[in-house]
Amino acid sequence: MSLKIRLTRGGAKKRPYYRIVVADARAPRDGRFIEKVGAYDPMKAKDDPARVVLDNEKIASWLQKGAQPTDRVLRFLDAAGLAKRPARNNPKKAEPGEKAKERAEKRAEKAAAPAEDAAA
């Protein structure tokens, strides 16, 4: 059984509140879970200590058992010092795709062609 430590949504419309739970990876997002290990309230200020509440002992034991945190939960665990989140490095992130490069080349050629005609 594959275990995930993930968020499950609660609260009202436009007023989200999340519980941090350990669940089977096959269970739906807001479905059955094994244990509640924390809470996250995005409506609170970023510097409020009650914004993210974690039960460190429970989380550490589930990590030892092989539960995999989702990306958002891993950010919380990294901030709390429970897990290390590797820094993402994508050097090609801002580089345009192949088709965009081809279109830019064609545009540059078209722009250069009238300039040559005017010079002649």
PDB file of N, CA and C in Angstrom:
ATOM      1  N   MET A   1       0.843  -1.177   0.000  1.00  0.00           N
ATOM      2  CA  MET A   1       0.000   0.000   0.000  1.00  0.00           C
ATOM      3  C   MET A   1       0.889   1.242   0.000  1.00  0.00           C
ATOM      4  N   SER A   2       0.673   2.094  -0.976  1.00  0.00           N
ATOM      5  CA  SER A   2       1.432   3.321  -1.123  1.00  0.00           C
ATOM      6  C   SER A   2       0.772   4.430  -0.300  1.00  0.00           C
ATOM      7  N   LEU A   3       1.533   5.044   0.588  1.00  0.00           N
ATOM      8  CA  LEU A   3       0.995   6.079   1.465  1.00  0.00           C
ATOM      9  C   LEU A   3       1.476   7.452   1.039  1.00  0.00           C
ATOM     10  N   LYS A   4       0.584   8.434   1.162  1.00  0.00           N
ATOM     11  CA  LYS A   4       0.906   9.821   0.857  1.00  0.00           C
ATOM     12  C   LYS A   4       0.569  10.684   2.057  1.00  0.00           C
ATOM     13  N   ILE A   5       1.377  11.698   2.278  1.00  0.00           N
ATOM     14  CA  ILE A   5       1.040  12.741   3.242  1.00  0.00           C
ATOM     15  C   ILE A   5       0.605  13.914   2.382  1.00  0.00           C
ATOM     16  N   ARG A   6      -0.674  14.269   2.467  1.00  0.00           N
ATOM     17  CA  ARG A   6      -1.204  15.270   1.551  1.00  0.00           C
ATOM     18  C   ARG A   6      -2.252  16.138   2.218  1.00  0.00           C
ATOM     19  N   LEU A   7      -2.727  17.141   1.463  1.00  0.00           N
ATOM     20  CA  LEU A   7      -3.751  18.047   1.954  1.00  0.00           C
ATOM     21  C   LEU A   7      -5.126  17.526   1.576  1.00  0.00           C
ATOM     22  N   THR A   8      -6.089  17.715   2.458  1.00  0.00           N
ATOM     23  CA  THR A   8      -7.482  17.443   2.143  1.00  0.00           C
ATOM     24  C   THR A   8      -8.275  18.702   2.475  1.00  0.00           C
ATOM     25  N   ARG A   9      -9.122  19.139   1.541  1.00  0.00           N
ATOM     26  CA  ARG A   9      -9.774  20.437   1.654  1.00  0.00           C
ATOM     27  C   ARG A   9     -11.031  20.369   2.496  1.00  0.00           C
ATOM     28  N   GLY A  10     -11.203  21.404   3.272  1.00  0.00           N
ATOM     29  CA  GLY A  10     -12.419  21.591   4.045  1.00  0.00           C
ATOM     30  C   GLY A  10     -12.785  23.064   3.977  1.00  0.00           C
ATOM     31  N   GLY A  11     -13.692  23.504   4.807  1.00  0.00           N
ATOM     32  CA  GLY A  11     -14.073  24.907   4.818  1.00  0.00           C
ATOM     33  C   GLY A  11     -15.188  25.200   3.837  1.00  0.00           C
ATOM     34  N   ALA A  12     -15.561  26.453   3.768  1.00  0.00           N
ATOM     35  CA  ALA A  12     -16.654  26.885   2.914  1.00  0.00           C
ATOM     36  C   ALA A  12     -16.116  27.415   1.583  1.00  0.00           C
ATOM     37  N   LYS A  13     -17.049  27.745   0.722  1.00  0.00           N
ATOM     38  CA  LYS A  13     -16.676  28.319  -0.577  1.00  0.00           C
ATOM     39  C   LYS A  13     -15.921  29.631  -0.346  1.00  0.00           C
ATOM     40  N   LYS A  14     -14.817  29.788  -1.030  1.00  0.00           N
ATOM     41  CA  LYS A  14     -13.939  30.971  -0.924  1.00  0.00           C
ATOM     42  C   LYS A  14     -13.264  31.108   0.432  1.00  0.00           C
ATOM     43  N   ARG A  15     -13.397  30.126   1.315  1.00  0.00           N
ATOM     44  CA  ARG A  15     -12.760  30.145   2.633  1.00  0.00           C
ATOM     45  C   ARG A  15     -12.137  28.783   2.883  1.00  0.00           C
ATOM     46  N   PRO A  16     -11.070  28.443   2.166  1.00  0.00           N
ATOM     47  CA  PRO A  16     -10.516  27.092   2.287  1.00  0.00           C
ATOM     48  C   PRO A  16      -9.817  26.862   3.630  1.00  0.00           C
ATOM     49  N   TYR A  17      -9.826  25.611   4.015  1.00  0.00           N
ATOM     50  CA  TYR A  17      -9.110  25.147   5.187  1.00  0.00           C
ATOM     51  C   TYR A  17      -8.652  23.731   4.862  1.00  0.00           C
ATOM     52  N   TYR A  18      -7.391  23.430   5.111  1.00  0.00           N
ATOM     53  CA  TYR A  18      -6.863  22.129   4.743  1.00  0.00           C
ATOM     54  C   TYR A  18      -6.389  21.365   5.962  1.00  0.00           C
ATOM     55  N   ARG A  19      -6.627  20.057   5.950  1.00  0.00           N
ATOM     56  CA  ARG A  19      -6.040  19.167   6.941  1.00  0.00           C
ATOM     57  C   ARG A  19      -4.885  18.449   6.265  1.00  0.00           C
ATOM     58  N   ILE A  20      -3.818  18.236   6.989  1.00  0.00           N
ATOM     59  CA  ILE A  20      -2.690  17.463   6.476  1.00  0.00           C
ATOM     60  C   ILE A  20      -2.900  16.053   6.992  1.00  0.00           C
ATOM     61  N   VAL A  21      -3.069  15.112   6.065  1.00  0.00           N
ATOM     62  CA  VAL A  21      -3.437  13.751   6.444  1.00  0.00           C
ATOM     63  C   VAL A  21      -2.510  12.736   5.789  1.00  0.00           C
ATOM     64  N   VAL A  22      -2.484  11.546   6.368  1.00  0.00           N
ATOM     65  CA  VAL A  22      -1.814  10.389   5.766  1.00  0.00           C
ATOM     66  C   VAL A  22      -2.924   9.557   5.152  1.00  0.00           C
ATOM     67  N   ALA A  23      -2.804   9.282   3.850  1.00  0.00           N
ATOM     68  CA  ALA A  23      -3.856   8.546   3.154  1.00  0.00           C
ATOM     69  C   ALA A  23      -3.237   7.575   2.164  1.00  0.00           C
ATOM     70  N   ASP A  24      -4.031   6.576   1.792  1.00  0.00           N
ATOM     71  CA  ASP A  24      -3.643   5.668   0.719  1.00  0.00           C
ATOM     72  C   ASP A  24      -3.627   6.483  -0.567  1.00  0.00           C
ATOM     73  N   ALA A  25      -2.616   6.295  -1.407  1.00  0.00           N
ATOM     74  CA  ALA A  25      -2.471   7.074  -2.630  1.00  0.00           C
ATOM     75  C   ALA A  25      -3.652   6.871  -3.578  1.00  0.00           C
ATOM     76  N   ARG A  26      -4.357   5.752  -3.462  1.00  0.00           N
ATOM     77  CA  ARG A  26      -5.481   5.468  -4.348  1.00  0.00           C
ATOM     78  C   ARG A  26      -6.769   6.135  -3.899  1.00  0.00           C
ATOM     79  N   ALA A  27      -6.823   6.640  -2.672  1.00  0.00           N
ATOM     80  CA  ALA A  27      -8.034   7.275  -2.144  1.00  0.00           C
ATOM     81  C   ALA A  27      -8.208   8.661  -2.767  1.00  0.00           C
ATOM     82  N   PRO A  28      -9.455   9.129  -2.943  1.00  0.00           N
ATOM     83  CA  PRO A  28      -9.668  10.467  -3.495  1.00  0.00           C
ATOM     84  C   PRO A  28      -9.169  11.553  -2.546  1.00  0.00           C
ATOM     85  N   ARG A  29      -9.006  12.763  -3.088  1.00  0.00           N
ATOM     86  CA  ARG A  29      -8.405  13.854  -2.322  1.00  0.00           C
ATOM     87  C   ARG A  29      -9.099  14.101  -0.995  1.00  0.00           C
ATOM     88  N   ASP A  30     -10.415  14.209  -1.005  1.00  0.00           N
ATOM     89  CA  ASP A  30     -11.150  14.495   0.224  1.00  0.00           C
ATOM     90  C   ASP A  30     -11.789  13.235   0.809  1.00  0.00           C
ATOM     91  N   GLY A  31     -11.314  12.082   0.383  1.00  0.00           N
ATOM     92  CA  GLY A  31     -11.902  10.820   0.827  1.00  0.00           C
ATOM     93  C   GLY A  31     -11.301  10.318   2.122  1.00  0.00           C
ATOM     94  N   ARG A  32     -11.360   9.015   2.276  1.00  0.00           N
ATOM     95  CA  ARG A  32     -10.919   8.361   3.508  1.00  0.00           C
ATOM     96  C   ARG A  32      -9.420   8.559   3.720  1.00  0.00           C
ATOM     97  N   PHE A  33      -9.048   8.779   4.958  1.00  0.00           N
ATOM     98  CA  PHE A  33      -7.634   8.920   5.299  1.00  0.00           C
ATOM     99  C   PHE A  33      -7.329   8.077   6.528  1.00  0.00           C
ATOM    100  N   ILE A  34      -6.046   7.850   6.765  1.00  0.00           N
ATOM    101  CA  ILE A  34      -5.625   6.994   7.867  1.00  0.00           C
ATOM    102  C   ILE A  34      -5.492   7.791   9.166  1.00  0.00           C
ATOM    103  N   GLU A  35      -4.804   8.949   9.076  1.00  0.00           N
ATOM    104  CA  GLU A  35      -4.581   9.736  10.286  1.00  0.00           C
ATOM    105  C   GLU A  35      -4.379  11.198   9.932  1.00  0.00           C
ATOM    106  N   LYS A  36      -4.892  12.078  10.776  1.00  0.00           N
ATOM    107  CA  LYS A  36      -4.681  13.518  10.616  1.00  0.00           C
ATOM    108  C   LYS A  36      -3.384  13.874  11.334  1.00  0.00           C
ATOM    109  N   VAL A  37      -2.476  14.555  10.621  1.00  0.00           N
ATOM    110  CA  VAL A  37      -1.179  14.886  11.219  1.00  0.00           C
ATOM    111  C   VAL A  37      -0.911  16.390  11.270  1.00  0.00           C
ATOM    112  N   GLY A  38      -1.867  17.210  10.826  1.00  0.00           N
ATOM    113  CA  GLY A  38      -1.657  18.646  10.884  1.00  0.00           C
ATOM    114  C   GLY A  38      -2.793  19.396  10.220  1.00  0.00           C
ATOM    115  N   ALA A  39      -2.632  20.720  10.146  1.00  0.00           N
ATOM    116  CA  ALA A  39      -3.628  21.587   9.528  1.00  0.00           C
ATOM    117  C   ALA A  39      -2.929  22.756   8.863  1.00  0.00           C
ATOM    118  N   TYR A  40      -3.606  23.304   7.832  1.00  0.00           N
ATOM    119  CA  TYR A  40      -3.087  24.451   7.095  1.00  0.00           C
ATOM    120  C   TYR A  40      -4.252  25.390   6.811  1.00  0.00           C
ATOM    121  N   ASP A  41      -4.118  26.634   7.250  1.00  0.00           N
ATOM    122  CA  ASP A  41      -5.166  27.628   7.028  1.00  0.00           C
ATOM    123  C   ASP A  41      -4.591  28.770   6.187  1.00  0.00           C
ATOM    124  N   PRO A  42      -4.820  28.750   4.863  1.00  0.00           N
ATOM    125  CA  PRO A  42      -4.236  29.776   4.000  1.00  0.00           C
ATOM    126  C   PRO A  42      -4.844  31.161   4.195  1.00  0.00           C
ATOM    127  N   MET A  43      -5.945  31.267   4.936  1.00  0.00           N
ATOM    128  CA  MET A  43      -6.577  32.566   5.162  1.00  0.00           C
ATOM    129  C   MET A  43      -5.844  33.382   6.232  1.00  0.00           C
ATOM    130  N   LYS A  44      -4.991  32.733   7.005  1.00  0.00           N
ATOM    131  CA  LYS A  44      -4.245  33.446   8.048  1.00  0.00           C
ATOM    132  C   LYS A  44      -3.005  34.094   7.446  1.00  0.00           C
ATOM    133  N   ALA A  45      -2.447  35.065   8.160  1.00  0.00           N
ATOM    134  CA  ALA A  45      -1.258  35.780   7.688  1.00  0.00           C
ATOM    135  C   ALA A  45      -0.074  34.829   7.587  1.00  0.00           C
ATOM    136  N   LYS A  46       0.835  35.122   6.669  1.00  0.00           N
ATOM    137  CA  LYS A  46       1.974  34.230   6.439  1.00  0.00           C
ATOM    138  C   LYS A  46       2.882  34.090   7.650  1.00  0.00           C
ATOM    139  N   ASP A  47       2.932  35.115   8.498  1.00  0.00           N
ATOM    140  CA  ASP A  47       3.805  35.041   9.669  1.00  0.00           C
ATOM    141  C   ASP A  47       3.083  34.504  10.905  1.00  0.00           C
ATOM    142  N   ASP A  48       1.811  34.140  10.777  1.00  0.00           N
ATOM    143  CA  ASP A  48       1.034  33.598  11.893  1.00  0.00           C
ATOM    144  C   ASP A  48       1.472  32.159  12.172  1.00  0.00           C
ATOM    145  N   PRO A  49       1.854  31.829  13.409  1.00  0.00           N
ATOM    146  CA  PRO A  49       2.295  30.450  13.698  1.00  0.00           C
ATOM    147  C   PRO A  49       1.169  29.417  13.568  1.00  0.00           C
ATOM    148  N   ALA A  50      -0.093  29.857  13.624  1.00  0.00           N
ATOM    149  CA  ALA A  50      -1.212  28.926  13.500  1.00  0.00           C
ATOM    150  C   ALA A  50      -1.587  28.661  12.044  1.00  0.00           C
ATOM    151  N   ARG A  51      -0.877  29.272  11.097  1.00  0.00           N
ATOM    152  CA  ARG A  51      -1.166  29.043   9.672  1.00  0.00           C
ATOM    153  C   ARG A  51      -0.897  27.580   9.298  1.00  0.00           C
ATOM    154  N   VAL A  52       0.245  27.051   9.735  1.00  0.00           N
ATOM    155  CA  VAL A  52       0.577  25.648   9.519  1.00  0.00           C
ATOM    156  C   VAL A  52       0.843  25.019  10.881  1.00  0.00           C
ATOM    157  N   VAL A  53       0.044  24.017  11.227  1.00  0.00           N
ATOM    158  CA  VAL A  53       0.197  23.312  12.496  1.00  0.00           C
ATOM    159  C   VAL A  53       0.534  21.861  12.157  1.00  0.00           C
ATOM    160  N   LEU A  54       1.683  21.376  12.637  1.00  0.00           N
ATOM    161  CA  LEU A  54       2.139  20.018  12.340  1.00  0.00           C
ATOM    162  C   LEU A  54       2.350  19.237  13.631  1.00  0.00           C
ATOM    163  N   ASP A  55       2.011  17.951  13.592  1.00  0.00           N
ATOM    164  CA  ASP A  55       2.336  17.050  14.695  1.00  0.00           C
ATOM    165  C   ASP A  55       3.654  16.364  14.297  1.00  0.00           C
ATOM    166  N   ASN A  56       4.759  16.939  14.732  1.00  0.00           N
ATOM    167  CA  ASN A  56       6.081  16.499  14.291  1.00  0.00           C
ATOM    168  C   ASN A  56       6.355  15.022  14.554  1.00  0.00           C
ATOM    169  N   GLU A  57       5.941  14.520  15.695  1.00  0.00           N
ATOM    170  CA  GLU A  57       6.213  13.111  16.036  1.00  0.00           C
ATOM    171  C   GLU A  57       5.470  12.157  15.105  1.00  0.00           C
ATOM    172  N   LYS A  58       4.202  12.438  14.852  1.00  0.00           N
ATOM    173  CA  LYS A  58       3.420  11.581  13.959  1.00  0.00           C
ATOM    174  C   LYS A  58       3.984  11.611  12.542  1.00  0.00           C
ATOM    175  N   ILE A  59       4.330  12.811  12.076  1.00  0.00           N
ATOM    176  CA  ILE A  59       4.858  12.938  10.714  1.00  0.00           C
ATOM    177  C   ILE A  59       6.182  12.197  10.593  1.00  0.00           C
ATOM    178  N   ALA A  60       7.051  12.343  11.579  1.00  0.00           N
ATOM    179  CA  ALA A  60       8.344  11.645  11.537  1.00  0.00           C
ATOM    180  C   ALA A  60       8.144  10.133  11.509  1.00  0.00           C
ATOM    181  N   SER A  61       7.183   9.625  12.275  1.00  0.00           N
ATOM    182  CA  SER A  61       6.959   8.179  12.271  1.00  0.00           C
ATOM    183  C   SER A  61       6.403   7.711  10.927  1.00  0.00           C
ATOM    184  N   TRP A  62       5.514   8.494  10.305  1.00  0.00           N
ATOM    185  CA  TRP A  62       4.972   8.101   8.994  1.00  0.00           C
ATOM    186  C   TRP A  62       6.045   8.182   7.909  1.00  0.00           C
ATOM    187  N   LEU A  63       6.932   9.164   8.010  1.00  0.00           N
ATOM    188  CA  LEU A  63       8.037   9.243   7.039  1.00  0.00           C
ATOM    189  C   LEU A  63       8.948   8.025   7.178  1.00  0.00           C
ATOM    190  N   GLN A  64       9.163   7.571   8.416  1.00  0.00           N
ATOM    191  CA  GLN A  64       9.977   6.371   8.658  1.00  0.00           C
ATOM    192  C   GLN A  64       9.323   5.140   8.044  1.00  0.00           C
ATOM    193  N   LYS A  65       7.976   5.117   8.051  1.00  0.00           N
ATOM    194  CA  LYS A  65       7.241   3.978   7.496  1.00  0.00           C
ATOM    195  C   LYS A  65       7.171   4.012   5.968  1.00  0.00           C
ATOM    196  N   GLY A  66       7.625   5.103   5.365  1.00  0.00           N
ATOM    197  CA  GLY A  66       7.677   5.171   3.906  1.00  0.00           C
ATOM    198  C   GLY A  66       6.625   6.034   3.256  1.00  0.00           C
ATOM    199  N   ALA A  67       5.876   6.816   4.017  1.00  0.00           N
ATOM    200  CA  ALA A  67       4.884   7.709   3.419  1.00  0.00           C
ATOM    201  C   ALA A  67       5.595   8.814   2.640  1.00  0.00           C
ATOM    202  N   GLN A  68       5.079   9.131   1.455  1.00  0.00           N
ATOM    203  CA  GLN A  68       5.671  10.148   0.592  1.00  0.00           C
ATOM    204  C   GLN A  68       4.845  11.428   0.659  1.00  0.00           C
ATOM    205  N   PRO A  69       5.448  12.554   1.043  1.00  0.00           N
ATOM    206  CA  PRO A  69       4.691  13.810   1.072  1.00  0.00           C
ATOM    207  C   PRO A  69       4.519  14.380  -0.336  1.00  0.00           C
ATOM    208  N   THR A  70       3.397  15.053  -0.557  1.00  0.00           N
ATOM    209  CA  THR A  70       3.197  15.755  -1.817  1.00  0.00           C
ATOM    210  C   THR A  70       4.092  16.995  -1.814  1.00  0.00           C
ATOM    211  N   ASP A  71       4.174  17.674  -2.949  1.00  0.00           N
ATOM    212  CA  ASP A  71       5.083  18.815  -3.071  1.00  0.00           C
ATOM    213  C   ASP A  71       4.743  19.921  -2.070  1.00  0.00           C
ATOM    214  N   ARG A  72       3.469  20.257  -1.944  1.00  0.00           N
ATOM    215  CA  ARG A  72       3.074  21.333  -1.029  1.00  0.00           C
ATOM    216  C   ARG A  72       3.366  20.950   0.423  1.00  0.00           C
ATOM    217  N   VAL A  73       3.069  19.725   0.796  1.00  0.00           N
ATOM    218  CA  VAL A  73       3.339  19.279   2.169  1.00  0.00           C
ATOM    219  C   VAL A  73       4.842  19.225   2.406  1.00  0.00           C
ATOM    220  N   LEU A  74       5.602  18.845   1.389  1.00  0.00           N
ATOM    221  CA  LEU A  74       7.062  18.810   1.527  1.00  0.00           C
ATOM    222  C   LEU A  74       7.616  20.207   1.795  1.00  0.00           C
ATOM    223  N   ARG A  75       6.992  21.228   1.238  1.00  0.00           N
ATOM    224  CA  ARG A  75       7.403  22.610   1.533  1.00  0.00           C
ATOM    225  C   ARG A  75       7.196  22.924   3.010  1.00  0.00           C
ATOM    226  N   PHE A  76       6.055  22.502   3.553  1.00  0.00           N
ATOM    227  CA  PHE A  76       5.784  22.731   4.978  1.00  0.00           C
ATOM    228  C   PHE A  76       6.784  21.973   5.847  1.00  0.00           C
ATOM    229  N   LEU A  77       7.068  20.728   5.479  1.00  0.00           N
ATOM    230  CA  LEU A  77       7.993  19.905   6.264  1.00  0.00           C
ATOM    231  C   LEU A  77       9.411  20.468   6.199  1.00  0.00           C
ATOM    232  N   ASP A  78       9.788  21.004   5.056  1.00  0.00           N
ATOM    233  CA  ASP A  78      11.113  21.616   4.912  1.00  0.00           C
ATOM    234  C   ASP A  78      11.217  22.851   5.805  1.00  0.00           C
ATOM    235  N   ALA A  79      10.164  23.651   5.838  1.00  0.00           N
ATOM    236  CA  ALA A  79      10.159  24.845   6.686  1.00  0.00           C
ATOM    237  C   ALA A  79      10.228  24.468   8.168  1.00  0.00           C
ATOM    238  N   ALA A  80       9.636  23.325   8.518  1.00  0.00           N
ATOM    239  CA  ALA A  80       9.643  22.871   9.910  1.00  0.00           C
ATOM    240  C   ALA A  80      10.912  22.091  10.260  1.00  0.00           C
ATOM    241  N   GLY A  81      11.714  21.742   9.247  1.00  0.00           N
ATOM    242  CA  GLY A  81      12.950  21.011   9.489  1.00  0.00           C
ATOM    243  C   GLY A  81      12.769  19.508   9.592  1.00  0.00           C
ATOM    244  N   LEU A  82      11.633  18.978   9.152  1.00  0.00           N
ATOM    245  CA  LEU A  82      11.380  17.538   9.229  1.00  0.00           C
ATOM    246  C   LEU A  82      11.881  16.778   8.006  1.00  0.00           C
ATOM    247  N   ALA A  83      11.911  17.433   6.872  1.00  0.00           N
ATOM    248  CA  ALA A  83      12.357  16.787   5.632  1.00  0.00           C
ATOM    249  C   ALA A  83      13.103  17.806   4.792  1.00  0.00           C
ATOM    250  N   LYS A  84      13.940  17.336   3.925  1.00  0.00           N
ATOM    251  CA  LYS A  84      14.719  18.214   3.058  1.00  0.00           C
ATOM    252  C   LYS A  84      14.094  18.222   1.676  1.00  0.00           C
ATOM    253  N   ARG A  85      13.782  19.392   1.180  1.00  0.00           N
ATOM    254  CA  ARG A  85      13.205  19.541  -0.158  1.00  0.00           C
ATOM    255  C   ARG A  85      14.311  19.968  -1.110  1.00  0.00           C
ATOM    256  N   PRO A  86      14.606  19.148  -2.126  1.00  0.00           N
ATOM    257  CA  PRO A  86      15.661  19.530  -3.060  1.00  0.00           C
ATOM    258  C   PRO A  86      15.249  20.744  -3.879  1.00  0.00           C
ATOM    259  N   ALA A  87      16.184  21.635  -4.101  1.00  0.00           N
ATOM    260  CA  ALA A  87      15.910  22.828  -4.895  1.00  0.00           C
ATOM    261  C   ALA A  87      15.726  22.423  -6.354  1.00  0.00           C
ATOM    262  N   ARG A  88      14.738  22.998  -6.974  1.00  0.00           N
ATOM    263  CA  ARG A  88      14.507  22.705  -8.387  1.00  0.00           C
ATOM    264  C   ARG A  88      15.358  23.630  -9.228  1.00  0.00           C
ATOM    265  N   ASN A  89      15.974  23.054 -10.256  1.00  0.00           N
ATOM    266  CA  ASN A  89      16.818  23.841 -11.139  1.00  0.00           C
ATOM    267  C   ASN A  89      16.527  23.421 -12.564  1.00  0.00           C
ATOM    268  N   ASN A  90      15.872  24.274 -13.305  1.00  0.00           N
ATOM    269  CA  ASN A  90      15.535  23.999 -14.694  1.00  0.00           C
ATOM    270  C   ASN A  90      16.116  25.118 -15.550  1.00  0.00           C
ATOM    271  N   PRO A  91      17.335  24.924 -16.076  1.00  0.00           N
ATOM    272  CA  PRO A  91      17.962  26.003 -16.838  1.00  0.00           C
ATOM    273  C   PRO A  91      17.240  26.330 -18.144  1.00  0.00           C
ATOM    274  N   LYS A  92      16.412  25.429 -18.657  1.00  0.00           N
ATOM    275  CA  LYS A  92      15.709  25.681 -19.920  1.00  0.00           C
ATOM    276  C   LYS A  92      14.298  26.216 -19.710  1.00  0.00           C
ATOM    277  N   LYS A  93      13.967  26.614 -18.492  1.00  0.00           N
ATOM    278  CA  LYS A  93      12.614  27.032 -18.173  1.00  0.00           C
ATOM    279  C   LYS A  93      12.160  28.226 -19.016  1.00  0.00           C
ATOM    280  N   ALA A  94      12.984  29.231 -19.156  1.00  0.00           N
ATOM    281  CA  ALA A  94      12.586  30.447 -19.873  1.00  0.00           C
ATOM    282  C   ALA A  94      12.905  30.376 -21.363  1.00  0.00           C
ATOM    283  N   GLU A  95      13.499  29.296 -21.800  1.00  0.00           N
ATOM    284  CA  GLU A  95      13.859  29.168 -23.209  1.00  0.00           C
ATOM    285  C   GLU A  95      12.621  28.810 -24.034  1.00  0.00           C
ATOM    286  N   PRO A  96      12.388  29.516 -25.157  1.00  0.00           N
ATOM    287  CA  PRO A  96      11.219  29.203 -25.980  1.00  0.00           C
ATOM    288  C   PRO A  96      11.343  27.832 -26.639  1.00  0.00           C
ATOM    289  N   GLY A  97      10.205  27.271 -27.029  1.00  0.00           N
ATOM    290  CA  GLY A  97      10.178  25.974 -27.689  1.00  0.00           C
ATOM    291  C   GLY A  97      10.686  26.053 -29.117  1.00  0.00           C
ATOM    292  N   GLU A  98      10.786  24.897 -29.759  1.00  0.00           N
ATOM    293  CA  GLU A  98      11.322  24.823 -31.125  1.00  0.00           C
ATOM    294  C   GLU A  98      10.470  25.620 -32.108  1.00  0.00           C
ATOM    295  N   LYS A  99       9.154  25.458 -32.047  1.00  0.00           N
ATOM    296  CA  LYS A  99       8.276  26.164 -32.994  1.00  0.00           C
ATOM    297  C   LYS A  99       8.350  27.673 -32.790  1.00  0.00           C
ATOM    298  N   ALA A 100       8.437  28.107 -31.569  1.00  0.00           N
ATOM    299  CA  ALA A 100       8.538  29.540 -31.288  1.00  0.00           C
ATOM    300  C   ALA A 100       9.850  30.093 -31.845  1.00  0.00           C
ATOM    301  N   LYS A 101      10.919  29.309 -31.747  1.00  0.00           N
ATOM    302  CA  LYS A 101      12.204  29.742 -32.315  1.00  0.00           C
ATOM    303  C   LYS A 101      12.108  29.856 -33.831  1.00  0.00           C
ATOM    304  N   GLU A 102      11.430  28.878 -34.472  1.00  0.00           N
ATOM    305  CA  GLU A 102      11.268  28.917 -35.929  1.00  0.00           C
ATOM    306  C   GLU A 102      10.453  30.140 -36.350  1.00  0.00           C
ATOM    307  N   ARG A 103       9.377  30.435 -35.630  1.00  0.00           N
ATOM    308  CA  ARG A 103       8.561  31.611 -35.960  1.00  0.00           C
ATOM    309  C   ARG A 103       9.367  32.889 -35.800  1.00  0.00           C
ATOM    310  N   ALA A 104      10.197  32.968 -34.777  1.00  0.00           N
ATOM    311  CA  ALA A 104      11.027  34.159 -34.556  1.00  0.00           C
ATOM    312  C   ALA A 104      12.039  34.322 -35.691  1.00  0.00           C
ATOM    313  N   GLU A 105      12.604  33.203 -36.150  1.00  0.00           N
ATOM    314  CA  GLU A 105      13.552  33.271 -37.267  1.00  0.00           C
ATOM    315  C   GLU A 105      12.861  33.761 -38.538  1.00  0.00           C
ATOM    316  N   LYS A 106      11.658  33.257 -38.818  1.00  0.00           N
ATOM    317  CA  LYS A 106      10.913  33.685 -40.007  1.00  0.00           C
ATOM    318  C   LYS A 106      10.574  35.167 -39.925  1.00  0.00           C
ATOM    319  N   ARG A 107      10.165  35.613 -38.742  1.00  0.00           N
ATOM    320  CA  ARG A 107       9.859  37.034 -38.547  1.00  0.00           C
ATOM    321  C   ARG A 107      11.097  37.887 -38.776  1.00  0.00           C
ATOM    322  N   ALA A 108      12.243  37.414 -38.291  1.00  0.00           N
ATOM    323  CA  ALA A 108      13.493  38.164 -38.470  1.00  0.00           C
ATOM    324  C   ALA A 108      13.873  38.222 -39.949  1.00  0.00           C
ATOM    325  N   GLU A 109      13.658  37.110 -40.674  1.00  0.00           N
ATOM    326  CA  GLU A 109      13.959  37.091 -42.107  1.00  0.00           C
ATOM    327  C   GLU A 109      13.053  38.054 -42.868  1.00  0.00           C
ATOM    328  N   LYS A 110      11.758  38.071 -42.523  1.00  0.00           N
ATOM    329  CA  LYS A 110      10.819  38.975 -43.193  1.00  0.00           C
ATOM    330  C   LYS A 110      11.164  40.422 -42.918  1.00  0.00           C
ATOM    331  N   ALA A 111      11.572  40.700 -41.673  1.00  0.00           N
ATOM    332  CA  ALA A 111      11.934  42.064 -41.312  1.00  0.00           C
ATOM    333  C   ALA A 111      13.219  42.490 -42.020  1.00  0.00           C
ATOM    334  N   ALA A 112      14.136  41.550 -42.243  1.00  0.00           N
ATOM    335  CA  ALA A 112      15.402  41.868 -42.902  1.00  0.00           C
ATOM    336  C   ALA A 112      15.194  42.042 -44.410  1.00  0.00           C
ATOM    337  N   ALA A 113      14.258  41.322 -45.017  1.00  0.00           N
ATOM    338  CA  ALA A 113      14.024  41.393 -46.457  1.00  0.00           C
ATOM    339  C   ALA A 113      13.586  42.780 -46.922  1.00  0.00           C
ATOM    340  N   PRO A 114      12.610  43.445 -46.312  1.00  0.00           N
ATOM    341  CA  PRO A 114      12.247  44.790 -46.767  1.00  0.00           C
ATOM    342  C   PRO A 114      13.367  45.807 -46.556  1.00  0.00           C
ATOM    343  N   ALA A 115      14.167  45.609 -45.542  1.00  0.00           N
ATOM    344  CA  ALA A 115      15.292  46.507 -45.305  1.00  0.00           C
ATOM    345  C   ALA A 115      16.307  46.398 -46.421  1.00  0.00           C
ATOM    346  N   GLU A 116      16.512  45.183 -46.932  1.00  0.00           N
ATOM    347  CA  GLU A 116      17.438  44.986 -48.060  1.00  0.00           C
ATOM    348  C   GLU A 116      16.885  45.610 -49.320  1.00  0.00           C
ATOM    349  N   ASP A 117      15.561  45.500 -49.545  1.00  0.00           N
ATOM    350  CA  ASP A 117      14.927  46.072 -50.732  1.00  0.00           C
ATOM    351  C   ASP A 117      15.047  47.598 -50.712  1.00  0.00           C
ATOM    352  N   ALA A 118      14.887  48.211 -49.549  1.00  0.00           N
ATOM    353  CA  ALA A 118      14.969  49.656 -49.431  1.00  0.00           C
ATOM    354  C   ALA A 118      16.396  50.140 -49.662  1.00  0.00           C
ATOM    355  N   ALA A 119      17.375  49.327 -49.311  1.00  0.00           N
ATOM    356  CA  ALA A 119      18.785  49.708 -49.472  1.00  0.00           C
ATOM    357  C   ALA A 119      19.196  49.631 -50.944  1.00  0.00           C
ATOM    358  N   ALA A 120      18.525  48.800 -51.735  1.00  0.00           N
ATOM    359  CA  ALA A 120      18.901  48.609 -53.138  1.00  0.00           C
ATOM    360  C   ALA A 120      18.350  49.625 -54.046  1.00  0.00           C
TER     361      ALA A 120
END
